[in-house]
N, C-alpha and C. Protein backbone atom coordinates (compact mmCIF):
# COMPACT_ATOMS: atom_id res chain seq x y z
N UNK A 1 151.95 102.44 33.34
CA UNK A 1 150.94 101.51 33.93
C UNK A 1 151.86 100.00 33.50
N UNK A 2 151.57 98.94 34.53
CA UNK A 2 151.91 97.98 34.33
C UNK A 2 151.13 97.14 33.55
N UNK A 3 151.58 95.96 33.05
CA UNK A 3 150.77 95.25 31.95
C UNK A 3 149.71 94.21 32.73
N UNK A 4 149.87 94.18 33.73
CA UNK A 4 148.64 93.50 34.56
C UNK A 4 147.28 94.36 34.63
N UNK A 5 147.81 95.71 35.15
CA UNK A 5 146.54 96.53 35.11
C UNK A 5 146.11 97.05 33.77
N UNK A 6 147.03 97.20 32.90
CA UNK A 6 146.27 97.34 31.66
C UNK A 6 145.50 96.33 30.88
N UNK A 7 146.07 94.99 31.07
CA UNK A 7 145.07 94.08 30.89
C UNK A 7 143.70 93.90 31.76
N UNK A 8 143.94 94.26 32.85
CA UNK A 8 142.94 94.38 33.70
C UNK A 8 141.77 95.24 33.34
N UNK A 9 142.25 96.55 32.79
CA UNK A 9 141.35 97.62 32.28
C UNK A 9 140.57 97.00 31.08
N UNK A 10 141.43 96.21 30.02
CA UNK A 10 140.82 95.80 29.10
C UNK A 10 139.68 94.56 29.44
N UNK A 11 139.87 93.97 30.61
CA UNK A 11 138.97 92.96 30.81
C UNK A 11 137.74 93.54 31.33
N UNK A 12 137.77 94.65 32.12
CA UNK A 12 136.56 95.35 32.50
C UNK A 12 135.74 95.99 31.43
N UNK A 13 136.58 96.23 30.24
CA UNK A 13 135.81 96.98 29.20
C UNK A 13 134.91 95.88 28.46
N UNK A 14 135.65 94.73 28.11
CA UNK A 14 135.20 93.47 27.49
C UNK A 14 134.09 93.20 28.40
N UNK A 15 134.06 93.16 29.65
CA UNK A 15 133.15 92.73 30.35
C UNK A 15 132.01 93.65 30.43
N UNK A 16 132.12 95.08 30.16
CA UNK A 16 131.14 95.77 30.20
C UNK A 16 130.33 95.57 28.68
N UNK A 17 131.13 95.43 27.70
CA UNK A 17 130.72 95.21 26.42
C UNK A 17 129.73 93.81 26.22
N UNK A 18 130.18 93.02 26.89
CA UNK A 18 129.43 91.54 27.03
C UNK A 18 127.89 91.72 27.65
N UNK A 19 128.21 92.55 28.71
CA UNK A 19 126.90 92.81 29.49
C UNK A 19 125.85 93.55 28.77
N UNK A 20 126.17 94.43 27.69
CA UNK A 20 125.19 95.05 26.94
C UNK A 20 124.72 94.09 25.90
N UNK A 21 125.39 92.96 25.40
CA UNK A 21 124.83 91.90 24.49
C UNK A 21 123.40 91.54 25.03
N UNK A 22 122.36 90.79 23.95
CA UNK A 22 121.30 90.16 24.43
C UNK A 22 121.75 88.98 25.14
N UNK A 23 120.87 88.39 26.15
CA UNK A 23 121.21 87.47 27.06
C UNK A 23 121.70 85.91 26.26
N UNK A 24 121.19 85.77 25.27
CA UNK A 24 121.54 84.73 24.40
C UNK A 24 123.13 84.69 23.91
N UNK A 25 123.44 85.83 23.73
CA UNK A 25 124.97 86.20 22.99
C UNK A 25 125.99 86.36 24.22
N UNK A 26 125.50 86.37 25.45
CA UNK A 26 126.36 86.46 26.49
C UNK A 26 127.02 85.50 26.93
N UNK A 27 126.65 84.35 26.52
CA UNK A 27 127.32 82.92 27.30
C UNK A 27 128.62 82.70 26.87
N UNK A 28 128.91 82.73 25.70
CA UNK A 28 130.41 82.42 25.45
C UNK A 28 131.44 83.35 25.76
N UNK A 29 131.09 84.37 25.48
CA UNK A 29 132.30 85.60 25.84
C UNK A 29 132.51 85.68 27.34
N UNK A 30 131.10 85.51 27.94
CA UNK A 30 131.02 85.54 29.60
C UNK A 30 131.70 84.47 30.13
N UNK A 31 131.65 83.08 29.62
CA UNK A 31 132.43 82.16 29.86
C UNK A 31 134.04 82.40 30.19
N UNK A 32 134.31 82.84 28.74
CA UNK A 32 135.78 83.12 28.53
C UNK A 32 136.24 84.24 29.66
N UNK A 33 135.60 85.27 29.77
CA UNK A 33 135.90 86.28 30.92
C UNK A 33 135.97 85.68 32.23
N UNK A 34 134.97 84.80 32.61
CA UNK A 34 134.94 83.98 33.83
C UNK A 34 136.14 83.19 33.99
N UNK A 35 136.81 82.52 33.24
CA UNK A 35 137.87 81.79 33.21
C UNK A 35 139.05 82.60 33.03
N UNK A 36 139.22 83.63 32.57
CA UNK A 36 140.50 84.55 32.50
C UNK A 36 140.52 85.25 33.65
N UNK A 37 139.63 85.48 34.29
CA UNK A 37 139.68 86.48 35.30
C UNK A 37 140.50 86.21 36.51
N UNK A 38 140.62 84.73 36.82
CA UNK A 38 141.42 84.28 38.09
C UNK A 38 142.88 84.19 37.71
N UNK A 39 143.42 84.07 36.40
CA UNK A 39 144.63 84.37 35.88
C UNK A 39 145.15 85.82 35.81
N UNK A 40 144.12 86.58 35.31
CA UNK A 40 144.45 88.03 35.48
C UNK A 40 144.74 88.37 36.79
N UNK A 41 144.01 88.14 37.84
CA UNK A 41 144.06 88.39 39.22
C UNK A 41 145.23 87.82 39.86
N UNK A 42 145.78 86.87 39.44
CA UNK A 42 147.00 86.21 39.88
C UNK A 42 148.20 87.09 39.52
N UNK A 43 147.84 87.45 38.34
CA UNK A 43 149.08 88.32 37.64
C UNK A 43 149.05 89.54 38.33
N UNK A 44 148.04 90.15 38.46
CA UNK A 44 148.13 91.61 39.31
C UNK A 44 148.60 91.37 40.74
N UNK A 45 148.21 90.13 41.38
CA UNK A 45 148.65 89.82 42.42
C UNK A 45 150.31 89.73 42.73
N UNK A 46 150.81 88.89 41.55
CA UNK A 46 152.09 88.80 41.37
C UNK A 46 152.85 90.20 41.17
N UNK A 47 152.69 90.82 40.36
CA UNK A 47 153.22 92.18 40.05
C UNK A 47 153.16 93.16 41.05
N UNK A 48 151.97 93.28 41.75
CA UNK A 48 151.67 94.46 42.72
C UNK A 48 151.43 94.14 44.05
N UNK A 49 151.35 92.69 44.46
CA UNK A 49 150.87 92.17 45.61
C UNK A 49 149.59 91.71 46.06
N UNK A 50 149.21 91.36 47.07
CA UNK A 50 147.91 90.85 47.40
C UNK A 50 147.05 92.08 47.81
N UNK A 51 147.48 93.11 48.10
CA UNK A 51 146.85 94.27 48.72
C UNK A 51 145.95 94.76 47.60
N UNK A 52 146.46 94.80 46.21
CA UNK A 52 145.94 95.31 45.07
C UNK A 52 145.13 94.25 44.16
N UNK A 53 145.41 92.49 44.57
CA UNK A 53 144.64 91.80 44.17
C UNK A 53 143.47 91.62 44.64
N UNK A 54 143.15 92.24 45.87
CA UNK A 54 141.84 92.09 46.76
C UNK A 54 140.74 92.96 46.05
N UNK A 55 141.13 94.35 45.55
CA UNK A 55 139.93 94.94 44.77
C UNK A 55 139.55 94.29 43.61
N UNK A 56 140.37 93.77 43.01
CA UNK A 56 140.30 92.79 41.88
C UNK A 56 139.50 91.71 42.21
N UNK A 57 139.59 90.95 43.09
CA UNK A 57 138.70 89.96 43.33
C UNK A 57 137.43 90.33 43.86
N UNK A 58 137.34 91.56 44.60
CA UNK A 58 136.13 92.18 44.65
C UNK A 58 135.20 92.53 43.85
N UNK A 59 135.72 93.17 42.55
CA UNK A 59 135.42 93.68 41.45
C UNK A 59 134.78 92.33 40.65
N UNK A 60 135.72 91.29 40.54
CA UNK A 60 135.22 90.19 39.88
C UNK A 60 133.96 89.61 40.43
N UNK A 61 133.88 89.44 41.72
CA UNK A 61 132.89 88.83 42.38
C UNK A 61 131.46 89.54 42.29
N UNK A 62 131.56 91.16 42.11
CA UNK A 62 130.43 92.06 41.97
C UNK A 62 130.00 91.82 40.46
N UNK A 63 131.13 91.85 39.45
CA UNK A 63 130.47 91.59 38.25
C UNK A 63 130.00 90.25 37.57
N UNK A 64 130.49 89.40 38.21
CA UNK A 64 130.14 87.96 37.93
C UNK A 64 129.11 87.32 39.02
N UNK A 65 128.51 88.14 39.72
CA UNK A 65 127.87 87.42 41.01
C UNK A 65 126.81 86.51 40.37
N UNK A 66 125.83 86.74 39.52
CA UNK A 66 125.29 85.90 38.95
C UNK A 66 125.54 84.54 38.24
N UNK A 67 126.58 84.37 37.49
CA UNK A 67 127.01 83.24 36.99
C UNK A 67 127.73 82.42 38.16
N UNK A 68 128.19 83.00 39.02
CA UNK A 68 128.84 82.40 40.14
C UNK A 68 127.81 81.85 41.37
N UNK A 69 126.70 82.48 41.35
CA UNK A 69 125.58 81.76 42.04
C UNK A 69 125.01 80.65 41.46
N UNK A 70 124.84 80.85 39.94
CA UNK A 70 124.44 79.68 39.44
C UNK A 70 125.20 78.37 39.75
N UNK A 71 126.59 78.67 39.42
CA UNK A 71 127.81 77.59 39.41
C UNK A 71 127.50 76.83 40.72
N UNK A 72 127.57 78.02 41.93
CA UNK A 72 127.42 77.30 43.20
C UNK A 72 126.20 76.54 43.78
N UNK A 73 124.82 76.97 43.07
CA UNK A 73 123.92 75.93 43.22
C UNK A 73 123.81 74.85 42.63
N UNK A 74 124.49 75.05 41.37
CA UNK A 74 124.64 73.73 40.51
C UNK A 74 125.70 72.57 41.47
N UNK A 75 126.49 73.46 42.06
CA UNK A 75 127.63 72.66 42.59
C UNK A 75 126.99 71.87 44.01
N UNK A 76 126.17 72.63 44.60
CA UNK A 76 125.39 72.00 45.83
C UNK A 76 124.50 71.23 45.69
N UNK A 77 123.80 71.19 44.35
CA UNK A 77 122.82 70.38 44.21
C UNK A 77 121.21 71.25 44.26
N UNK A 78 121.34 72.16 44.53
CA UNK A 78 120.11 72.99 44.69
C UNK A 78 119.44 73.22 43.41
N UNK A 79 118.03 73.44 43.48
CA UNK A 79 117.49 73.61 42.25
C UNK A 79 117.78 74.88 41.51
N UNK A 80 117.75 75.24 40.29
CA UNK A 80 118.15 76.01 39.57
C UNK A 80 117.23 76.52 38.72
N UNK A 81 116.64 77.83 38.85
CA UNK A 81 115.75 78.43 37.86
C UNK A 81 116.54 79.18 36.79
N UNK A 82 116.40 78.85 35.46
CA UNK A 82 116.90 79.66 34.42
C UNK A 82 115.95 80.75 33.80
N UNK A 83 116.29 81.86 33.66
CA UNK A 83 115.77 83.06 32.87
C UNK A 83 114.88 82.70 31.65
N UNK A 84 113.73 83.14 31.25
CA UNK A 84 112.90 82.83 30.45
C UNK A 84 113.59 82.86 29.07
N UNK A 85 114.59 83.54 28.96
CA UNK A 85 115.33 83.63 27.58
C UNK A 85 116.03 82.17 27.18
N UNK A 86 116.10 81.54 28.45
CA UNK A 86 116.93 80.19 28.06
C UNK A 86 115.96 79.00 28.19
N UNK A 87 114.84 79.27 28.38
CA UNK A 87 114.04 78.21 28.49
C UNK A 87 113.55 77.80 27.12
N UNK A 88 113.11 76.50 26.95
CA UNK A 88 112.84 75.75 25.63
C UNK A 88 111.35 75.87 25.46
């Protein structure tokens, strides 16, 4: 197995572990996973071609859909409602 796919497997396991954490503890590791994913997808695309990077992009969008929705709403200026766990 190539290094990029092995790192991708570890990324998926780490994302699954972070998803099991309480909401307040997901923020820091979730941001790190969110920022590292495009680099990892680029690495997979470099080693195996775009045809294999495409499923990685789809998996990334599926796993990170809520943070990406939040960032898209913030970027477009739409009102954002935070979960009860984050309200003060």
